[in-house]
Amino acid sequence: MKNPTYGMFTPEGNYMVARIVDAGKKLVAEDGDTLNAWQFAYRELEKLSYAEGFEECTDTDVREQVYGAVTNNDMNVPFYI
């Protein structure tokens, strides 16, 4: 199965971000709180950005794609948190 791309520079980066997205989606499925899931995903992106080779995961394009995937582009969930 091919991993979705989230604007990362490497397949490994997209894989790691896809894992964050999957976890965020599971949070939404469990408790229905998209804001909580987006906060989780954002926090995980920030943590991943400190690892060598994954610095771009906090770039706007990556964050926007993750936001859309986790929140289903719910405009009631603030992008900037």
Protein backbone atom coordinates (compact mmCIF):
# COMPACT_ATOMS: atom_id res chain seq x y z
CA MET A 1 0.00 0.00 0.00
CA LYS A 2 1.30 3.43 -0.93
CA ASN A 3 1.47 6.05 1.79
CA PRO A 4 -0.25 9.36 1.19
CA THR A 5 2.01 12.35 0.74
CA TYR A 6 1.87 15.36 3.01
CA GLY A 7 4.45 17.66 1.43
CA MET A 8 7.47 16.14 3.13
CA PHE A 9 10.74 15.95 1.19
CA THR A 10 11.24 12.20 1.64
CA PRO A 11 9.12 9.04 1.67
CA GLU A 12 10.24 8.49 5.27
CA GLY A 13 8.95 11.93 6.18
CA ASN A 14 5.59 11.27 4.56
CA TYR A 15 5.42 7.94 6.37
CA MET A 16 6.01 9.54 9.76
CA VAL A 17 3.48 12.30 9.10
CA ALA A 18 0.96 9.72 7.87
CA ARG A 19 1.31 7.96 11.22
CA ILE A 20 0.48 11.22 13.00
CA VAL A 21 -2.54 11.74 10.74
CA ASP A 22 -3.77 8.20 11.38
CA ALA A 23 -3.47 8.70 15.13
CA GLY A 24 -5.34 12.00 14.90
CA LYS A 25 -8.13 10.38 12.91
CA LYS A 26 -8.40 7.64 15.52
CA LEU A 27 -8.78 10.30 18.22
CA VAL A 28 -11.65 11.85 16.27
CA ALA A 29 -13.27 8.45 15.87
CA GLU A 30 -12.93 7.74 19.60
CA ASP A 31 -14.16 11.00 21.08
CA GLY A 32 -15.45 13.09 18.16
CA ASP A 33 -13.36 16.09 19.21
CA THR A 34 -11.61 17.42 16.12
CA LEU A 35 -10.01 20.29 18.03
CA ASN A 36 -8.35 17.86 20.42
CA ALA A 37 -7.17 15.72 17.50
CA TRP A 38 -5.73 18.74 15.68
CA GLN A 39 -3.94 19.89 18.84
CA PHE A 40 -2.47 16.40 19.20
CA ALA A 41 -1.35 16.27 15.56
CA TYR A 42 0.15 19.76 15.73
CA ARG A 43 2.07 18.86 18.89
CA GLU A 44 3.38 15.68 17.27
CA LEU A 45 4.50 17.60 14.17
CA GLU A 46 6.37 20.03 16.41
CA LYS A 47 8.11 17.15 18.19
CA LEU A 48 9.00 15.43 14.92
CA SER A 49 10.46 18.65 13.52
CA TYR A 50 13.36 18.40 15.97
CA ALA A 51 14.51 15.09 14.46
CA GLU A 52 17.17 15.30 11.77
CA GLY A 53 15.65 14.97 8.31
CA PHE A 54 12.13 15.91 9.39
CA GLU A 55 12.54 19.66 9.98
CA GLU A 56 10.04 20.58 7.26
CA CYS A 57 7.10 18.92 9.00
CA THR A 58 6.13 22.28 10.50
CA ASP A 59 6.11 24.01 7.11
CA THR A 60 2.77 25.59 6.29
CA ASP A 61 2.02 23.20 3.42
CA VAL A 62 2.53 20.13 5.60
CA ARG A 63 0.51 21.56 8.48
CA GLU A 64 -2.35 22.54 6.15
CA GLN A 65 -2.50 19.04 4.68
CA VAL A 66 -2.43 17.41 8.11
CA TYR A 67 -5.09 19.84 9.37
CA GLY A 68 -7.34 18.96 6.43
CA ALA A 69 -6.85 15.23 6.90
CA VAL A 70 -7.43 15.25 10.66
CA THR A 71 -10.27 17.78 10.85
CA ASN A 72 -11.85 17.06 7.46
CA ASN A 73 -11.35 20.80 6.83
CA ASP A 74 -13.80 21.71 9.60
CA MET A 75 -13.62 25.51 9.63
CA ASN A 76 -14.88 25.54 13.22
CA VAL A 77 -11.49 24.15 14.29
CA PRO A 78 -8.90 26.94 14.38
CA PHE A 79 -5.81 26.26 12.25
CA TYR A 80 -3.60 28.52 14.39
CA ILE A 81 -3.47 27.17 17.91
